[in-house]
PDB file of N, CA and C in Angstrom:
ATOM      1  N   GLN A   1       0.725  -1.204   0.462  1.00  0.00           N
ATOM      2  CA  GLN A   1       0.071  -0.004  -0.207  1.00  0.00           C
ATOM      3  C   GLN A   1       0.423   0.853  -0.062  1.00  0.00           C
ATOM      4  N   ARG A   2       1.957   1.746   0.809  1.00  0.00           N
ATOM      5  CA  ARG A   2       2.626   2.263   0.810  1.00  0.00           C
ATOM      6  C   ARG A   2       2.923   2.585  -0.282  1.00  0.00           C
ATOM      7  N   ALA A   3       3.972   1.491  -1.408  1.00  0.00           N
ATOM      8  CA  ALA A   3       4.467   1.869  -2.753  1.00  0.00           C
ATOM      9  C   ALA A   3       3.321   2.731  -3.478  1.00  0.00           C
ATOM     10  N   ALA A   4       2.067   2.039  -3.505  1.00  0.00           N
ATOM     11  CA  ALA A   4       0.737   2.754  -4.271  1.00  0.00           C
ATOM     12  C   ALA A   4       0.815   3.795  -4.168  1.00  0.00           C
ATOM     13  N   GLU A   5       0.824   4.171  -2.473  1.00  0.00           N
ATOM     14  CA  GLU A   5       0.239   5.912  -2.321  1.00  0.00           C
ATOM     15  C   GLU A   5       1.380   6.526  -2.591  1.00  0.00           C
ATOM     16  N   LEU A   6       2.776   5.903  -2.643  1.00  0.00           N
ATOM     17  CA  LEU A   6       3.546   7.368  -3.571  1.00  0.00           C
ATOM     18  C   LEU A   6       3.813   6.981  -4.526  1.00  0.00           C
ATOM     19  N   ILE A   7       3.815   6.295  -5.422  1.00  0.00           N
ATOM     20  CA  ILE A   7       3.522   6.378  -6.947  1.00  0.00           C
ATOM     21  C   ILE A   7       2.598   6.752  -7.549  1.00  0.00           C
ATOM     22  N   LEU A   8       1.218   6.478  -6.544  1.00  0.00           N
ATOM     23  CA  LEU A   8      -0.336   7.582  -6.917  1.00  0.00           C
ATOM     24  C   LEU A   8       0.020   9.052  -6.429  1.00  0.00           C
ATOM     25  N   SER A   9       0.369   9.659  -5.670  1.00  0.00           N
ATOM     26  CA  SER A   9       0.269  10.708  -4.923  1.00  0.00           C
ATOM     27  C   SER A   9       1.512  11.666  -5.523  1.00  0.00           C
ATOM     28  N   ALA A  10       2.594  11.077  -6.044  1.00  0.00           N
ATOM     29  CA  ALA A  10       4.146  11.484  -6.741  1.00  0.00           C
ATOM     30  C   ALA A  10       4.585  12.383  -5.568  1.00  0.00           C
ATOM     31  N   ARG A  11       4.423  12.216  -4.307  1.00  0.00           N
ATOM     32  CA  ARG A  11       4.752  13.613  -2.897  1.00  0.00           C
ATOM     33  C   ARG A  11       6.212  13.188  -3.060  1.00  0.00           C
ATOM     34  N   TRP A  12       7.066  13.920  -2.286  1.00  0.00           N
ATOM     35  CA  TRP A  12       8.409  13.751  -2.171  1.00  0.00           C
ATOM     36  C   TRP A  12       8.779  13.774  -0.624  1.00  0.00           C
ATOM     37  N   LEU A  13       9.551  12.263  -0.510  1.00  0.00           N
ATOM     38  CA  LEU A  13       9.656  12.336   0.627  1.00  0.00           C
ATOM     39  C   LEU A  13      10.724  12.796   1.240  1.00  0.00           C
ATOM     40  N   SER A  14      11.022  13.055   2.470  1.00  0.00           N
ATOM     41  CA  SER A  14      11.933  13.274   3.288  1.00  0.00           C
ATOM     42  C   SER A  14      13.154  12.087   3.486  1.00  0.00           C
ATOM     43  N   GLY A  15      14.557  12.623   4.037  1.00  0.00           N
ATOM     44  CA  GLY A  15      15.309  11.696   3.868  1.00  0.00           C
ATOM     45  C   GLY A  15      14.768  10.535   5.191  1.00  0.00           C
ATOM     46  N   ILE A  16      14.421  11.409   6.406  1.00  0.00           N
ATOM     47  CA  ILE A  16      13.791  10.166   7.543  1.00  0.00           C
ATOM     48  C   ILE A  16      12.608   9.242   7.121  1.00  0.00           C
ATOM     49  N   GLU A  17      12.047   9.996   6.168  1.00  0.00           N
ATOM     50  CA  GLU A  17      10.430   9.129   5.275  1.00  0.00           C
ATOM     51  C   GLU A  17      11.210   7.822   4.701  1.00  0.00           C
ATOM     52  N   ALA A  18      12.291   8.334   3.749  1.00  0.00           N
ATOM     53  CA  ALA A  18      12.789   7.197   3.096  1.00  0.00           C
ATOM     54  C   ALA A  18      13.691   6.333   3.706  1.00  0.00           C
ATOM     55  N   ALA A  19      14.430   6.603   4.673  1.00  0.00           N
ATOM     56  CA  ALA A  19      15.167   5.465   5.496  1.00  0.00           C
ATOM     57  C   ALA A  19      13.974   4.397   6.182  1.00  0.00           C
ATOM     58  N   ALA A  20      13.048   5.447   6.466  1.00  0.00           N
ATOM     59  CA  ALA A  20      11.983   4.573   7.858  1.00  0.00           C
ATOM     60  C   ALA A  20      11.242   3.259   6.987  1.00  0.00           C
ATOM     61  N   TYR A  21      11.088   3.895   5.531  1.00  0.00           N
ATOM     62  CA  TYR A  21      10.614   3.079   4.030  1.00  0.00           C
ATOM     63  C   TYR A  21      11.455   1.989   3.822  1.00  0.00           C
ATOM     64  N   GLY A  22      12.837   2.037   4.028  1.00  0.00           N
ATOM     65  CA  GLY A  22      13.270   1.390   3.749  1.00  0.00           C
ATOM     66  C   GLY A  22      13.680   1.750   2.287  1.00  0.00           C
ATOM     67  N   LEU A  23      13.581   2.819   2.262  1.00  0.00           N
ATOM     68  CA  LEU A  23      14.190   2.700   0.653  1.00  0.00           C
ATOM     69  C   LEU A  23      15.507   3.757   0.434  1.00  0.00           C
ATOM     70  N   ALA A  24      16.005   4.093   1.463  1.00  0.00           N
ATOM     71  CA  ALA A  24      17.352   4.683   2.014  1.00  0.00           C
ATOM     72  C   ALA A  24      18.390   3.710   3.349  1.00  0.00           C
ATOM     73  N   THR A  25      19.105   3.914   2.915  1.00  0.00           N
ATOM     74  CA  THR A  25      20.112   3.221   4.306  1.00  0.00           C
ATOM     75  C   THR A  25      20.282   3.524   5.303  1.00  0.00           C
ATOM     76  N   ALA A  26      19.882   5.406   5.369  1.00  0.00           N
ATOM     77  CA  ALA A  26      20.056   6.511   6.312  1.00  0.00           C
ATOM     78  C   ALA A  26      19.941   7.510   5.783  1.00  0.00           C
ATOM     79  N   ALA A  27      19.149   8.479   6.873  1.00  0.00           N
ATOM     80  CA  ALA A  27      18.972   9.962   6.899  1.00  0.00           C
ATOM     81  C   ALA A  27      19.967  10.612   7.791  1.00  0.00           C
ATOM     82  N   LEU A  28      20.948  11.011   7.094  1.00  0.00           N
ATOM     83  CA  LEU A  28      21.792  11.891   7.867  1.00  0.00           C
ATOM     84  C   LEU A  28      22.106  13.335   7.492  1.00  0.00           C
ATOM     85  N   PRO A  29      22.370  14.513   8.897  1.00  0.00           N
ATOM     86  CA  PRO A  29      23.010  15.885   8.662  1.00  0.00           C
ATOM     87  C   PRO A  29      23.298  15.247   7.007  1.00  0.00           C
ATOM     88  N   ALA A  30      23.392  16.515   6.505  1.00  0.00           N
ATOM     89  CA  ALA A  30      24.227  17.005   5.529  1.00  0.00           C
ATOM     90  C   ALA A  30      25.517  16.919   4.957  1.00  0.00           C
ATOM     91  N   ASP A  31      25.953  17.243   6.635  1.00  0.00           N
ATOM     92  CA  ASP A  31      27.549  17.368   6.950  1.00  0.00           C
ATOM     93  C   ASP A  31      28.324  16.124   7.297  1.00  0.00           C
ATOM     94  N   GLN A  32      27.043  14.984   7.085  1.00  0.00           N
ATOM     95  CA  GLN A  32      27.891  13.444   7.218  1.00  0.00           C
ATOM     96  C   GLN A  32      27.677  12.404   6.300  1.00  0.00           C
ATOM     97  N   VAL A  33      26.761  13.681   5.238  1.00  0.00           N
ATOM     98  CA  VAL A  33      26.896  12.412   4.049  1.00  0.00           C
ATOM     99  C   VAL A  33      27.950  11.648   3.321  1.00  0.00           C
ATOM    100  N   GLN A  34      28.826  12.572   2.913  1.00  0.00           N
ATOM    101  CA  GLN A  34      30.463  12.252   2.452  1.00  0.00           C
ATOM    102  C   GLN A  34      30.961  11.449   2.998  1.00  0.00           C
ATOM    103  N   ALA A  35      30.973  11.343   4.865  1.00  0.00           N
ATOM    104  CA  ALA A  35      31.716  10.611   5.653  1.00  0.00           C
ATOM    105  C   ALA A  35      31.537   9.340   5.090  1.00  0.00           C
ATOM    106  N   ARG A  36      29.861   9.391   5.277  1.00  0.00           N
ATOM    107  CA  ARG A  36      29.112   7.942   5.360  1.00  0.00           C
ATOM    108  C   ARG A  36      29.420   7.474   4.042  1.00  0.00           C
ATOM    109  N   ALA A  37      29.378   8.126   3.150  1.00  0.00           N
ATOM    110  CA  ALA A  37      29.707   7.489   1.456  1.00  0.00           C
ATOM    111  C   ALA A  37      30.937   7.032   1.594  1.00  0.00           C
ATOM    112  N   ARG A  38      31.933   7.744   2.402  1.00  0.00           N
ATOM    113  CA  ARG A  38      33.142   7.717   2.224  1.00  0.00           C
ATOM    114  C   ARG A  38      33.724   5.898   2.660  1.00  0.00           C
ATOM    115  N   GLU A  39      32.920   5.903   3.617  1.00  0.00           N
ATOM    116  CA  GLU A  39      33.187   4.452   4.839  1.00  0.00           C
ATOM    117  C   GLU A  39      32.151   3.757   3.901  1.00  0.00           C
ATOM    118  N   SER A  40      31.150   3.607   3.467  1.00  0.00           N
ATOM    119  CA  SER A  40      30.711   2.287   2.306  1.00  0.00           C
ATOM    120  C   SER A  40      31.358   2.262   1.394  1.00  0.00           C
ATOM    121  N   ALA A  41      32.083   3.001   0.547  1.00  0.00           N
ATOM    122  CA  ALA A  41      32.801   2.532  -0.368  1.00  0.00           C
ATOM    123  C   ALA A  41      34.080   1.867  -0.389  1.00  0.00           C
ATOM    124  N   GLU A  42      34.492   2.470   1.073  1.00  0.00           N
ATOM    125  CA  GLU A  42      35.407   1.452   1.750  1.00  0.00           C
ATOM    126  C   GLU A  42      34.991   0.090   1.619  1.00  0.00           C
ATOM    127  N   GLN A  43      34.074  -0.019   2.341  1.00  0.00           N
ATOM    128  CA  GLN A  43      33.562  -1.443   2.850  1.00  0.00           C
ATOM    129  C   GLN A  43      33.693  -2.466   1.372  1.00  0.00           C
ATOM    130  N   ILE A  44      33.157  -1.454   0.466  1.00  0.00           N
ATOM    131  CA  ILE A  44      32.465  -2.400  -0.733  1.00  0.00           C
ATOM    132  C   ILE A  44      33.761  -2.537  -1.601  1.00  0.00           C
ATOM    133  N   ALA A  45      34.964  -1.906  -1.369  1.00  0.00           N
ATOM    134  CA  ALA A  45      35.734  -1.857  -2.223  1.00  0.00           C
ATOM    135  C   ALA A  45      36.200  -2.928  -1.169  1.00  0.00           C
ATOM    136  N   ALA A  46      36.683  -3.192   0.117  1.00  0.00           N
ATOM    137  CA  ALA A  46      37.262  -4.228   0.380  1.00  0.00           C
ATOM    138  C   ALA A  46      36.843  -5.586   0.071  1.00  0.00           C
ATOM    139  N   ASN A  47      36.026  -5.588  -0.143  1.00  0.00           N
ATOM    140  CA  ASN A  47      35.110  -7.037  -0.249  1.00  0.00           C
ATOM    141  C   ASN A  47      34.696  -7.331  -1.681  1.00  0.00           C
ATOM    142  N   ILE A  48      36.102  -6.627  -2.624  1.00  0.00           N
ATOM    143  CA  ILE A  48      35.910  -6.789  -4.249  1.00  0.00           C
ATOM    144  C   ILE A  48      36.818  -8.563  -4.165  1.00  0.00           C
ATOM    145  N   GLY A  49      35.706  -8.799  -5.202  1.00  0.00           N
ATOM    146  CA  GLY A  49      35.928 -10.459  -5.450  1.00  0.00           C
ATOM    147  C   GLY A  49      35.261 -10.935  -6.307  1.00  0.00           C
ATOM    148  N   PRO A  50      35.206 -11.756  -6.770  1.00  0.00           N
ATOM    149  CA  PRO A  50      34.167 -12.870  -7.962  1.00  0.00           C
ATOM    150  C   PRO A  50      32.518 -12.742  -7.811  1.00  0.00           C
ATOM    151  N   ALA A  51      32.274 -13.246  -6.279  1.00  0.00           N
ATOM    152  CA  ALA A  51      31.329 -12.789  -5.709  1.00  0.00           C
ATOM    153  C   ALA A  51      30.773 -11.793  -5.700  1.00  0.00           C
ATOM    154  N   VAL A  52      30.957 -10.950  -5.444  1.00  0.00           N
ATOM    155  CA  VAL A  52      31.236  -9.127  -4.890  1.00  0.00           C
ATOM    156  C   VAL A  52      30.501  -8.980  -6.218  1.00  0.00           C
ATOM    157  N   LEU A  53      31.364  -9.080  -7.879  1.00  0.00           N
ATOM    158  CA  LEU A  53      31.387  -8.729  -8.794  1.00  0.00           C
ATOM    159  C   LEU A  53      30.416  -8.796  -9.686  1.00  0.00           C
ATOM    160  N   ALA A  54      29.916 -10.358  -9.103  1.00  0.00           N
ATOM    161  CA  ALA A  54      28.371 -10.737  -9.744  1.00  0.00           C
ATOM    162  C   ALA A  54      27.357 -10.411  -9.295  1.00  0.00           C
ATOM    163  N   ALA A  55      27.795 -10.287  -7.788  1.00  0.00           N
ATOM    164  CA  ALA A  55      26.706  -9.451  -7.290  1.00  0.00           C
ATOM    165  C   ALA A  55      26.112  -7.914  -7.863  1.00  0.00           C
ATOM    166  N   LYS A  56      26.871  -7.708  -7.848  1.00  0.00           N
ATOM    167  CA  LYS A  56      26.867  -5.941  -8.282  1.00  0.00           C
ATOM    168  C   LYS A  56      26.292  -6.102  -9.698  1.00  0.00           C
ATOM    169  N   ARG A  57      26.440  -7.019 -10.645  1.00  0.00           N
ATOM    170  CA  ARG A  57      26.266  -7.337 -11.545  1.00  0.00           C
ATOM    171  C   ARG A  57      24.607  -7.747 -11.772  1.00  0.00           C
ATOM    172  N   LEU A  58      24.339  -8.425 -10.829  1.00  0.00           N
ATOM    173  CA  LEU A  58      23.024  -8.944 -10.516  1.00  0.00           C
ATOM    174  C   LEU A  58      21.929  -8.065 -10.115  1.00  0.00           C
ATOM    175  N   LEU A  59      22.592  -6.452  -9.486  1.00  0.00           N
ATOM    176  CA  LEU A  59      21.842  -5.837  -8.993  1.00  0.00           C
ATOM    177  C   LEU A  59      21.837  -4.865  -9.752  1.00  0.00           C
ATOM    178  N   ARG A  60      22.477  -4.547 -10.661  1.00  0.00           N
ATOM    179  CA  ARG A  60      22.725  -3.796 -11.763  1.00  0.00           C
ATOM    180  C   ARG A  60      22.116  -4.089 -13.129  1.00  0.00           C
ATOM    181  N   HIS A  61      22.183  -5.262 -13.510  1.00  0.00           N
ATOM    182  CA  HIS A  61      21.382  -6.059 -14.314  1.00  0.00           C
ATOM    183  C   HIS A  61      19.449  -6.701 -14.305  1.00  0.00           C
ATOM    184  N   GLY A  62      19.510  -6.991 -12.966  1.00  0.00           N
ATOM    185  CA  GLY A  62      18.717  -7.887 -12.997  1.00  0.00           C
ATOM    186  C   GLY A  62      16.719  -7.493 -13.149  1.00  0.00           C
ATOM    187  N   TRP A  63      17.257  -5.913 -13.071  1.00  0.00           N
ATOM    188  CA  TRP A  63      15.909  -5.597 -13.338  1.00  0.00           C
ATOM    189  C   TRP A  63      15.163  -5.597 -14.850  1.00  0.00           C
ATOM    190  N   ALA A  64      15.995  -5.715 -15.953  1.00  0.00           N
ATOM    191  CA  ALA A  64      15.509  -5.789 -17.174  1.00  0.00           C
ATOM    192  C   ALA A  64      15.807  -6.992 -17.607  1.00  0.00           C
ATOM    193  N   ASP A  65      15.993  -8.217 -16.659  1.00  0.00           N
ATOM    194  CA  ASP A  65      15.819  -9.814 -17.257  1.00  0.00           C
ATOM    195  C   ASP A  65      14.742 -10.132 -17.854  1.00  0.00           C
ATOM    196  N   ASP A  66      14.678 -11.035 -18.074  1.00  0.00           N
ATOM    197  CA  ASP A  66      13.130 -11.766 -18.057  1.00  0.00           C
ATOM    198  C   ASP A  66      13.614 -13.074 -17.566  1.00  0.00           C
ATOM    199  N   ALA A  67      12.654 -14.072 -17.628  1.00  0.00           N
ATOM    200  CA  ALA A  67      13.045 -15.041 -15.803  1.00  0.00           C
ATOM    201  C   ALA A  67      14.150 -15.904 -16.177  1.00  0.00           C
ATOM    202  N   ARG A  68      14.405 -16.349 -17.309  1.00  0.00           N
ATOM    203  CA  ARG A  68      15.336 -17.347 -17.918  1.00  0.00           C
ATOM    204  C   ARG A  68      17.198 -16.853 -17.928  1.00  0.00           C
ATOM    205  N   ALA A  69      16.799 -15.841 -18.206  1.00  0.00           N
ATOM    206  CA  ALA A  69      18.172 -14.737 -17.808  1.00  0.00           C
ATOM    207  C   ALA A  69      18.192 -14.341 -16.393  1.00  0.00           C
ATOM    208  N   ALA A  70      17.304 -14.080 -15.730  1.00  0.00           N
ATOM    209  CA  ALA A  70      17.435 -13.554 -14.428  1.00  0.00           C
ATOM    210  C   ALA A  70      18.273 -15.175 -13.398  1.00  0.00           C
ATOM    211  N   VAL A  71      17.514 -16.019 -13.947  1.00  0.00           N
ATOM    212  CA  VAL A  71      18.015 -17.727 -13.409  1.00  0.00           C
ATOM    213  C   VAL A  71      19.359 -17.811 -13.361  1.00  0.00           C
ATOM    214  N   GLN A  72      19.713 -17.182 -14.756  1.00  0.00           N
ATOM    215  CA  GLN A  72      21.109 -17.834 -15.246  1.00  0.00           C
ATOM    216  C   GLN A  72      22.032 -16.757 -14.444  1.00  0.00           C
ATOM    217  N   ARG A  73      22.022 -15.550 -14.196  1.00  0.00           N
ATOM    218  CA  ARG A  73      22.906 -14.604 -13.800  1.00  0.00           C
ATOM    219  C   ARG A  73      23.354 -15.213 -12.423  1.00  0.00           C
ATOM    220  N   GLU A  74      21.834 -15.174 -11.571  1.00  0.00           N
ATOM    221  CA  GLU A  74      21.929 -15.996 -10.434  1.00  0.00           C
ATOM    222  C   GLU A  74      22.786 -17.062  -9.919  1.00  0.00           C
ATOM    223  N   ASP A  75      22.717 -18.095 -11.075  1.00  0.00           N
ATOM    224  CA  ASP A  75      23.499 -19.287 -11.377  1.00  0.00           C
ATOM    225  C   ASP A  75      24.786 -18.818 -11.317  1.00  0.00           C
ATOM    226  N   ASP A  76      25.330 -18.471 -12.408  1.00  0.00           N
ATOM    227  CA  ASP A  76      26.588 -17.589 -12.375  1.00  0.00           C
ATOM    228  C   ASP A  76      26.779 -16.821 -11.346  1.00  0.00           C
ATOM    229  N   ALA A  77      26.323 -16.473 -10.247  1.00  0.00           N
ATOM    230  CA  ALA A  77      26.511 -15.702  -8.746  1.00  0.00           C
ATOM    231  C   ALA A  77      27.100 -16.543  -7.797  1.00  0.00           C
ATOM    232  N   ALA A  78      26.450 -17.484  -7.528  1.00  0.00           N
ATOM    233  CA  ALA A  78      26.306 -18.848  -6.738  1.00  0.00           C
ATOM    234  C   ALA A  78      27.947 -19.311  -7.677  1.00  0.00           C
ATOM    235  N   ARG A  79      27.926 -19.883  -8.842  1.00  0.00           N
ATOM    236  CA  ARG A  79      29.435 -20.358  -9.339  1.00  0.00           C
ATOM    237  C   ARG A  79      30.390 -19.164  -8.527  1.00  0.00           C
ATOM    238  N   ALA A  80      30.151 -17.964  -8.938  1.00  0.00           N
ATOM    239  CA  ALA A  80      31.423 -17.374  -8.383  1.00  0.00           C
ATOM    240  C   ALA A  80      31.516 -17.518  -7.293  1.00  0.00           C
ATOM    241  N   LEU A  81      30.378 -17.655  -6.134  1.00  0.00           N
ATOM    242  CA  LEU A  81      30.712 -17.491  -4.905  1.00  0.00           C
ATOM    243  C   LEU A  81      31.092 -18.957  -4.775  1.00  0.00           C
ATOM    244  N   ILE A  82      30.869 -19.689  -4.842  1.00  0.00           N
ATOM    245  CA  ILE A  82      31.430 -21.272  -4.619  1.00  0.00           C
ATOM    246  C   ILE A  82      32.879 -21.143  -5.251  1.00  0.00           C
ATOM    247  N   ARG A  83      33.059 -20.771  -6.081  1.00  0.00           N
ATOM    248  CA  ARG A  83      34.646 -20.507  -6.289  1.00  0.00           C
ATOM    249  C   ARG A  83      35.669 -19.357  -5.568  1.00  0.00           C
ATOM    250  N   GLU A  84      34.978 -18.656  -5.102  1.00  0.00           N
ATOM    251  CA  GLU A  84      35.595 -17.905  -3.951  1.00  0.00           C
ATOM    252  C   GLU A  84      35.923 -18.797  -2.775  1.00  0.00           C
ATOM    253  N   LEU A  85      34.817 -19.267  -2.282  1.00  0.00           N
ATOM    254  CA  LEU A  85      35.189 -19.777  -0.790  1.00  0.00           C
ATOM    255  C   LEU A  85      35.704 -20.881  -1.138  1.00  0.00           C
ATOM    256  N   GLY A  86      35.972 -21.537  -2.256  1.00  0.00           N
ATOM    257  CA  GLY A  86      37.291 -22.428  -2.214  1.00  0.00           C
ATOM    258  C   GLY A  86      38.370 -22.386  -2.132  1.00  0.00           C
ATOM    259  N   SER A  87      38.419 -21.165  -2.949  1.00  0.00           N
ATOM    260  CA  SER A  87      39.890 -20.482  -2.737  1.00  0.00           C
ATOM    261  C   SER A  87      40.359 -19.817  -1.811  1.00  0.00           C
ATOM    262  N   PHE A  88      39.335 -19.278  -1.281  1.00  0.00           N
ATOM    263  CA  PHE A  88      39.212 -19.114   0.545  1.00  0.00           C
ATOM    264  C   PHE A  88      39.967 -20.298   0.877  1.00  0.00           C
ATOM    265  N   ALA A  89      39.344 -21.514   1.167  1.00  0.00           N
ATOM    266  CA  ALA A  89      39.321 -22.544   1.622  1.00  0.00           C
ATOM    267  C   ALA A  89      40.972 -22.828   1.763  1.00  0.00           C
ATOM    268  N   ARG A  90      41.096 -23.126   0.248  1.00  0.00           N
ATOM    269  CA  ARG A  90      42.265 -23.708   0.550  1.00  0.00           C
ATOM    270  C   ARG A  90      43.578 -22.769   0.567  1.00  0.00           C
ATOM    271  N   LYS A  91      43.436 -21.873   0.713  1.00  0.00           N
ATOM    272  CA  LYS A  91      44.398 -20.654   1.064  1.00  0.00           C
ATOM    273  C   LYS A  91      44.842 -20.579   2.656  1.00  0.00           C
ATOM    274  N   PHE A  92      43.362 -20.478   3.462  1.00  0.00           N
ATOM    275  CA  PHE A  92      43.106 -21.008   4.914  1.00  0.00           C
ATOM    276  C   PHE A  92      44.284 -22.248   5.518  1.00  0.00           C
ATOM    277  N   THR A  93      43.740 -23.551   4.563  1.00  0.00           N
ATOM    278  CA  THR A  93      43.806 -24.601   5.170  1.00  0.00           C
ATOM    279  C   THR A  93      45.683 -24.947   4.516  1.00  0.00           C
ATOM    280  N   THR A  94      46.493 -24.115   3.680  1.00  0.00           N
ATOM    281  CA  THR A  94      47.671 -23.986   3.147  1.00  0.00           C
ATOM    282  C   THR A  94      48.518 -23.141   4.382  1.00  0.00           C
ATOM    283  N   THR A  95      48.130 -22.660   4.873  1.00  0.00           N
ATOM    284  CA  THR A  95      49.169 -21.068   5.614  1.00  0.00           C
ATOM    285  C   THR A  95      49.089 -21.819   6.685  1.00  0.00           C
TER     286      THR A  95
END
């Protein structure tokens, strides 16, 4: 119902409302936005690997896919995660 209300009313949301609705991860004062964005970017950059790249691809292209393409993308992402976990396990057990 919230989505319908927002679409039909075309009203603007405040940052606080957007965060409360789950449309934003946080509502911050303007002077804290850049620091939070940098912190989030650093967290993402620290996790770059095949599985993260596959997840980003799913997020970026998933909306336009038909069901068959979406399933294939999810399968590709799952395989990337399995390869990454296998690589991590080998490194962990050989050190």
